[in-house]
C-alpha cells in the first residue's frame, strides 16, 4: 500500500480536488469520475459525493493508496 500525507492549509478540500492535488488523477473532472465510480472511501466508508469536504484527520483511500490529511501549523 502507498501512503500519502497531505498537509491541509485551510478548513477543508473537496474530495475530487484532493485526488488531483495528490497526483492520483490528472484533472478535477477525472477525480469526479473516480469518486462517482465508487472507488473512493473516506474513513472506511464509500463516498460518492464528488465535492465532499475533507478535513484534517480524515483518511481517504483509492485502491491501494491511502491519503492521510493533516493540518499544517
C-alpha atoms as a PDB file:
ATOM      1  CA  UNK A   1       0.000   0.000   0.000  1.00  0.00           C
ATOM      2  CA  UNK A   2       1.162   3.518  -0.814  1.00  0.00           C
ATOM      3  CA  UNK A   3       0.743   6.146   1.887  1.00  0.00           C
ATOM      4  CA  UNK A   4       0.474   9.863   1.185  1.00  0.00           C
ATOM      5  CA  UNK A   5       0.406  12.562   3.844  1.00  0.00           C
ATOM      6  CA  UNK A   6      -1.462  15.616   2.570  1.00  0.00           C
ATOM      7  CA  UNK A   7      -0.843  18.860   4.509  1.00  0.00           C
ATOM      8  CA  UNK A   8      -4.086  20.848   4.626  1.00  0.00           C
ATOM      9  CA  UNK A   9      -3.548  24.600   4.966  1.00  0.00           C
ATOM     10  CA  UNK A  10      -7.250  25.553   5.090  1.00  0.00           C
ATOM     11  CA  UNK A  11     -10.508  24.353   6.641  1.00  0.00           C
ATOM     12  CA  UNK A  12     -11.227  21.703   4.004  1.00  0.00           C
ATOM     13  CA  UNK A  13     -10.555  20.484   0.471  1.00  0.00           C
ATOM     14  CA  UNK A  14     -13.157  18.983  -1.856  1.00  0.00           C
ATOM     15  CA  UNK A  15     -12.645  15.275  -2.473  1.00  0.00           C
ATOM     16  CA  UNK A  16     -12.173  15.471  -6.251  1.00  0.00           C
ATOM     17  CA  UNK A  17      -9.633  18.290  -5.794  1.00  0.00           C
ATOM     18  CA  UNK A  18      -7.725  16.221  -3.224  1.00  0.00           C
ATOM     19  CA  UNK A  19      -7.325  13.416  -5.752  1.00  0.00           C
ATOM     20  CA  UNK A  20      -5.887  15.908  -8.248  1.00  0.00           C
ATOM     21  CA  UNK A  21      -3.639  17.665  -5.719  1.00  0.00           C
ATOM     22  CA  UNK A  22      -2.105  14.346  -4.638  1.00  0.00           C
ATOM     23  CA  UNK A  23      -1.445  13.352  -8.257  1.00  0.00           C
ATOM     24  CA  UNK A  24      -3.773  10.354  -8.287  1.00  0.00           C
ATOM     25  CA  UNK A  25      -5.697  11.829 -11.222  1.00  0.00           C
ATOM     26  CA  UNK A  26      -4.759  14.334 -13.925  1.00  0.00           C
ATOM     27  CA  UNK A  27      -7.753  16.648 -13.563  1.00  0.00           C
ATOM     28  CA  UNK A  28     -10.648  17.558 -11.316  1.00  0.00           C
ATOM     29  CA  UNK A  29     -13.003  16.059 -13.896  1.00  0.00           C
ATOM     30  CA  UNK A  30     -11.184  12.757 -13.737  1.00  0.00           C
ATOM     31  CA  UNK A  31     -11.373  12.975  -9.939  1.00  0.00           C
ATOM     32  CA  UNK A  32     -15.150  13.349 -10.158  1.00  0.00           C
ATOM     33  CA  UNK A  33     -15.332  10.264 -12.366  1.00  0.00           C
ATOM     34  CA  UNK A  34     -13.261   8.183  -9.942  1.00  0.00           C
ATOM     35  CA  UNK A  35     -15.412   9.262  -6.984  1.00  0.00           C
ATOM     36  CA  UNK A  36     -18.646   8.542  -8.887  1.00  0.00           C
ATOM     37  CA  UNK A  37     -17.401   5.033  -9.699  1.00  0.00           C
ATOM     38  CA  UNK A  38     -17.439   4.091  -6.009  1.00  0.00           C
ATOM     39  CA  UNK A  39     -13.687   3.507  -5.863  1.00  0.00           C
ATOM     40  CA  UNK A  40     -13.056   6.041  -3.064  1.00  0.00           C
ATOM     41  CA  UNK A  41     -13.547   5.594   0.661  1.00  0.00           C
ATOM     42  CA  UNK A  42     -13.396   8.265   3.358  1.00  0.00           C
ATOM     43  CA  UNK A  43     -12.750   6.990   6.875  1.00  0.00           C
ATOM     44  CA  UNK A  44     -13.603   3.471   5.692  1.00  0.00           C
ATOM     45  CA  UNK A  45     -16.965   4.252   4.034  1.00  0.00           C
ATOM     46  CA  UNK A  46     -17.584   4.525   0.289  1.00  0.00           C
ATOM     47  CA  UNK A  47     -18.000   8.190  -0.637  1.00  0.00           C
ATOM     48  CA  UNK A  48     -19.926   9.123  -3.789  1.00  0.00           C
ATOM     49  CA  UNK A  49     -20.148  12.889  -3.230  1.00  0.00           C
ATOM     50  CA  UNK A  50     -17.569  14.463  -5.522  1.00  0.00           C
ATOM     51  CA  UNK A  51     -17.463  17.708  -3.550  1.00  0.00           C
ATOM     52  CA  UNK A  52     -17.408  16.068  -0.115  1.00  0.00           C
ATOM     53  CA  UNK A  53     -15.448  18.316   2.259  1.00  0.00           C
ATOM     54  CA  UNK A  54     -12.333  16.550   3.500  1.00  0.00           C
ATOM     55  CA  UNK A  55     -10.863  17.912   6.719  1.00  0.00           C
ATOM     56  CA  UNK A  56      -7.698  17.317   8.705  1.00  0.00           C
ATOM     57  CA  UNK A  57      -7.728  13.956  10.474  1.00  0.00           C
ATOM     58  CA  UNK A  58      -9.607  12.122   7.741  1.00  0.00           C
ATOM     59  CA  UNK A  59      -8.253   9.193   5.722  1.00  0.00           C
ATOM     60  CA  UNK A  60      -9.098   8.771   2.043  1.00  0.00           C
ATOM     61  CA  UNK A  61      -8.371   5.537   0.203  1.00  0.00           C
ATOM     62  CA  UNK A  62      -8.340   4.882  -3.548  1.00  0.00           C
ATOM     63  CA  UNK A  63      -7.454   1.287  -4.446  1.00  0.00           C
ATOM     64  CA  UNK A  64      -4.050   0.673  -2.798  1.00  0.00           C
ATOM     65  CA  UNK A  65      -3.322   4.338  -1.988  1.00  0.00           C
ATOM     66  CA  UNK A  66      -4.128   5.836   1.407  1.00  0.00           C
ATOM     67  CA  UNK A  67      -4.151   9.610   1.902  1.00  0.00           C
ATOM     68  CA  UNK A  68      -3.885  10.939   5.447  1.00  0.00           C
ATOM     69  CA  UNK A  69      -4.977  14.557   5.669  1.00  0.00           C
ATOM     70  CA  UNK A  70      -3.119  16.516   8.328  1.00  0.00           C
ATOM     71  CA  UNK A  71      -3.412  20.119   9.499  1.00  0.00           C
ATOM     72  CA  UNK A  72      -0.484  22.446   8.948  1.00  0.00           C
ATOM     73  CA  UNK A  73       0.608  24.922  11.570  1.00  0.00           C
END
